Protein backbone atom coordinates (compact mmCIF):
# COMPACT_ATOMS: atom_id res chain seq x y z
CA MET A 1 -55.94 -7.70 163.49
CA PRO A 2 -55.91 -8.20 167.18
CA PRO A 3 -55.25 -11.70 168.56
CA SER A 4 -58.39 -14.02 168.86
CA SER A 5 -59.14 -17.43 169.56
CA THR A 6 -61.92 -20.00 169.21
CA ILE A 7 -63.98 -21.84 171.85
CA SER A 8 -63.84 -25.63 171.71
CA SER A 9 -66.72 -28.00 172.15
CA LYS A 10 -65.48 -28.38 175.72
CA GLY A 11 -65.56 -24.48 176.34
CA GLN A 12 -61.70 -24.24 176.27
CA ILE A 13 -59.63 -21.68 174.31
CA THR A 14 -55.90 -21.25 173.44
CA VAL A 15 -54.63 -17.96 174.60
CA PRO A 16 -52.68 -16.45 171.85
CA ILE A 17 -48.86 -15.98 172.57
CA GLU A 18 -49.13 -12.18 172.34
CA VAL A 19 -51.58 -12.31 175.17
CA ARG A 20 -49.77 -14.82 177.24
CA ARG A 21 -46.48 -12.60 176.95
CA LEU A 22 -48.50 -9.53 177.80
CA LEU A 23 -49.86 -11.28 180.94
CA GLY A 24 -46.50 -13.01 181.89
CA VAL A 25 -48.10 -16.55 181.85
CA ARG A 26 -47.35 -19.99 180.78
CA ALA A 27 -48.63 -23.60 180.93
CA GLY A 28 -50.24 -24.43 184.17
CA ASP A 29 -50.59 -20.88 185.47
CA ARG A 30 -54.32 -19.53 186.35
CA LEU A 31 -56.24 -17.05 184.85
CA LEU A 32 -58.87 -14.84 186.43
CA PHE A 33 -61.97 -13.56 184.41
CA GLU A 34 -63.63 -10.56 185.86
CA SER A 35 -66.64 -8.58 184.67
CA ASP A 36 -67.64 -4.91 185.28
CA SER A 37 -69.60 -2.30 183.44
CA ASN A 38 -66.77 -2.03 180.98
CA GLY A 39 -66.64 -5.66 179.87
CA VAL A 40 -64.61 -8.71 180.95
CA HIS A 41 -61.16 -8.35 182.10
CA ILE A 42 -58.39 -11.33 182.28
CA ARG A 43 -55.73 -11.21 184.67
CA PRO A 44 -53.08 -13.73 186.04
CA VAL A 45 -53.77 -15.31 189.39
CA ARG A 46 -50.74 -14.58 191.44
CA ASN A 47 -49.86 -15.97 194.76
CA ASP A 48 -48.82 -13.11 196.56
CA LYS A 49 -47.88 -15.22 199.82
CA GLU A 50 -45.12 -16.89 198.09
CA SER A 51 -42.32 -15.70 196.19
CA ALA A 52 -41.98 -16.78 192.64
CA PHE A 53 -38.36 -18.14 193.46
CA ALA A 54 -39.42 -19.95 196.89
CA LYS A 55 -39.34 -23.20 195.26
CA TYR A 56 -35.76 -22.80 194.27
CA ALA A 57 -34.55 -21.88 197.58
CA GLY A 58 -31.56 -23.84 198.60
CA ILE A 59 -31.03 -25.66 195.14
CA GLY A 60 -27.39 -25.77 194.38
CA ASN A 61 -26.07 -25.02 197.88
CA PRO A 62 -26.53 -27.91 200.03
CA GLY A 63 -25.10 -27.64 203.43
CA ILE A 64 -25.08 -23.83 203.23
CA PRO A 65 -27.75 -22.39 205.90
CA SER A 66 -30.03 -19.65 204.54
CA GLY A 67 -30.02 -16.04 205.54
CA LYS A 68 -27.29 -13.40 205.17
CA LYS A 69 -25.40 -14.02 208.35
CA ALA A 70 -25.26 -17.60 208.00
CA ILE A 71 -24.00 -17.18 204.22
CA ASN A 72 -21.27 -14.60 205.57
CA ARG A 73 -20.25 -16.88 208.24
CA TRP A 74 -19.90 -19.90 205.68
CA LEU A 75 -17.92 -17.81 203.38
CA ARG A 76 -15.53 -16.49 206.13
CA GLU A 77 -15.11 -20.27 207.26
CA VAL A 78 -14.42 -21.35 203.39
CA ARG A 79 -11.90 -18.56 203.15
CA GLY A 80 -10.16 -19.65 206.31
CA HIS A 81 -11.18 -16.75 208.42
CA ASN A 82 -12.18 -18.26 211.87
CA ASP A 83 -13.62 -15.37 214.14
């Protein structure tokens, strides 16, 4: 039997775990409901402007500048290679 859900009195549904996994969504993510001549389609809303990992930038490396050149420069300094 395919996954199903019941609409609450507030118009809310619980998205079955199989569907959440297929869509790659979790708590707090947004879903978009689109309709066309074939029916209603559900898809996750993705913020294409920002990487999914952008909020983690800089975590774990305080004092190390971002960017490939800066990281390589920092590594040379740590290893004692002063160019």
